[in-house]
Amino acid sequence: MIVLRSEREISKIRESSHIARTVLEEMINSAKPGVATRELDDIAVALMKRSGAKSATIGYKGYPRHICISVNEEVVHGVPGDRVLCAGDIVSIDICVHKNGYYGDCARTVPLGTVDEEKRKLLDAGEK
């Protein structure tokens, strides 16, 4: 069944999606060598709060943090913690926010600095 949304509902969906994208962009900009993944989670919480949104991730099926961060070999939905990012890492960040009953969800995978040819091919394939 297809659910038709009103203009008001669509506007709220857009707002939540815009917040998620804005938080994700800031996380990508903040993901640098020497930064622990927990620090990125803390920054994300502050940005969500400032936007009047909440994480839709924390508490979902027991998930303990506000965003998902996977580094290198970690499969999706990695839990932010004490792991410190390094040059050459491949970092995936997944943001899901909730505001006014609607969700915004987006993710992106980026290299930190220069990566070897094998990692570059992986990133290029994922982008396609």
Protein backbone atom coordinates (compact mmCIF):
# COMPACT_ATOMS: atom_id res chain seq x y z
CA MET A 1 0.00 0.00 0.00
CA ILE A 2 1.28 3.47 -0.85
CA VAL A 3 0.81 6.09 1.86
CA LEU A 4 0.17 9.57 0.52
CA ARG A 5 1.60 12.33 2.68
CA SER A 6 0.22 15.83 3.12
CA GLU A 7 2.31 18.91 2.37
CA ARG A 8 2.66 19.42 6.12
CA GLU A 9 3.98 15.87 6.58
CA ILE A 10 6.35 16.22 3.63
CA SER A 11 7.66 19.45 5.13
CA LYS A 12 8.42 17.68 8.42
CA ILE A 13 10.13 14.82 6.60
CA ARG A 14 12.25 17.35 4.71
CA GLU A 15 13.16 19.10 7.95
CA SER A 16 14.29 15.85 9.61
CA SER A 17 16.22 14.86 6.49
CA HIS A 18 17.88 18.27 6.31
CA ILE A 19 18.98 17.99 9.95
CA ALA A 20 20.39 14.51 9.33
CA ARG A 21 22.31 15.73 6.30
CA THR A 22 23.65 18.77 8.17
CA VAL A 23 24.82 16.61 11.08
CA LEU A 24 26.41 14.13 8.66
CA GLU A 25 28.30 16.89 6.84
CA GLU A 26 29.66 18.19 10.14
CA MET A 27 30.68 14.66 11.17
CA ILE A 28 32.53 14.21 7.87
CA ASN A 29 34.33 17.53 8.42
CA SER A 30 35.18 16.57 12.02
CA ALA A 31 36.45 13.07 11.20
CA LYS A 32 40.20 13.62 11.24
CA PRO A 33 43.23 11.62 12.34
CA GLY A 34 43.56 11.74 16.12
CA VAL A 35 39.81 12.05 16.81
CA ALA A 36 38.10 9.23 18.73
CA THR A 37 34.81 8.00 17.32
CA ARG A 38 33.13 8.74 20.68
CA GLU A 39 34.05 12.42 20.20
CA LEU A 40 32.16 12.45 16.91
CA ASP A 41 29.14 10.94 18.65
CA ASP A 42 29.27 13.71 21.27
CA ILE A 43 29.44 16.40 18.59
CA ALA A 44 26.49 14.83 16.79
CA VAL A 45 24.38 14.89 19.96
CA ALA A 46 25.06 18.61 20.43
CA LEU A 47 24.15 19.36 16.81
CA MET A 48 20.94 17.36 17.01
CA LYS A 49 19.96 19.07 20.26
CA ARG A 50 20.61 22.50 18.77
CA SER A 51 18.30 21.58 15.87
CA GLY A 52 15.55 20.34 18.18
CA ALA A 53 16.04 16.75 17.00
CA LYS A 54 16.99 13.56 18.80
CA SER A 55 18.94 10.52 17.75
CA ALA A 56 16.70 7.76 16.45
CA THR A 57 19.54 5.30 16.93
CA ILE A 58 20.21 5.31 20.66
CA GLY A 59 18.23 2.60 22.41
CA TYR A 60 17.04 1.00 19.18
CA LYS A 61 17.32 -2.72 19.91
CA GLY A 62 19.76 -1.82 22.69
CA TYR A 63 22.11 0.29 20.54
CA PRO A 64 24.18 2.33 23.06
CA ARG A 65 25.19 5.45 21.08
CA HIS A 66 23.64 8.23 18.99
CA ILE A 67 25.26 7.64 15.59
CA CYS A 68 26.92 4.71 13.85
CA ILE A 69 30.58 4.87 12.83
CA SER A 70 32.40 2.03 11.11
CA VAL A 71 36.14 2.17 10.46
CA ASN A 72 37.93 0.05 7.86
CA GLU A 73 37.05 -3.61 8.41
CA GLU A 74 34.02 -2.91 10.61
CA VAL A 75 30.69 -3.75 9.06
CA VAL A 76 27.91 -1.14 9.11
CA HIS A 77 26.49 0.23 12.35
CA GLY A 78 29.75 0.29 14.28
CA VAL A 79 29.45 1.65 17.82
CA PRO A 80 31.42 4.85 18.54
CA GLY A 81 33.97 4.37 21.29
CA ASP A 82 37.63 4.86 22.10
CA ARG A 83 38.92 3.98 18.64
CA VAL A 84 41.06 6.85 17.33
CA LEU A 85 40.89 7.64 13.63
CA CYS A 86 44.12 7.45 11.61
CA ALA A 87 45.27 8.78 8.26
CA GLY A 88 44.36 6.28 5.55
CA ASP A 89 41.28 4.96 7.36
CA ILE A 90 37.99 4.48 5.53
CA VAL A 91 35.22 5.84 7.74
CA SER A 92 31.48 5.24 7.35
CA ILE A 93 29.13 7.47 9.32
CA ASP A 94 25.39 6.82 9.59
CA ILE A 95 23.03 9.42 11.06
CA CYS A 96 19.37 8.90 11.92
CA VAL A 97 17.41 11.71 13.58
CA HIS A 98 13.85 12.04 14.84
CA LYS A 99 11.92 15.29 15.05
CA ASN A 100 8.19 15.95 15.29
CA GLY A 101 7.34 12.33 14.58
CA TYR A 102 9.44 12.04 11.41
CA TYR A 103 12.85 10.59 10.63
CA GLY A 104 15.84 11.66 8.58
CA ASP A 105 18.49 9.06 7.80
CA CYS A 106 21.66 9.29 5.74
CA ALA A 107 25.13 7.79 5.59
CA ARG A 108 28.41 8.35 3.83
CA THR A 109 31.78 6.63 3.54
CA VAL A 110 34.93 8.72 3.14
CA PRO A 111 38.70 8.24 3.20
CA LEU A 112 40.79 10.11 5.76
CA GLY A 113 43.52 11.56 3.63
CA THR A 114 45.23 9.49 0.97
CA VAL A 115 44.34 5.81 0.67
CA ASP A 116 46.00 3.03 -1.29
CA GLU A 117 44.73 1.89 -4.69
CA GLU A 118 42.77 -1.07 -3.29
CA LYS A 119 40.84 1.16 -0.88
CA ARG A 120 40.26 3.74 -3.61
CA LYS A 121 38.74 1.05 -5.87
CA LEU A 122 36.46 -0.04 -3.03
CA LEU A 123 35.30 3.54 -2.45
CA ASP A 124 34.74 4.10 -6.17
CA ALA A 125 32.71 0.88 -6.47
CA GLY A 126 30.57 1.88 -3.50
CA GLU A 127 29.97 5.32 -4.99
CA LYS A 128 28.63 3.79 -8.20
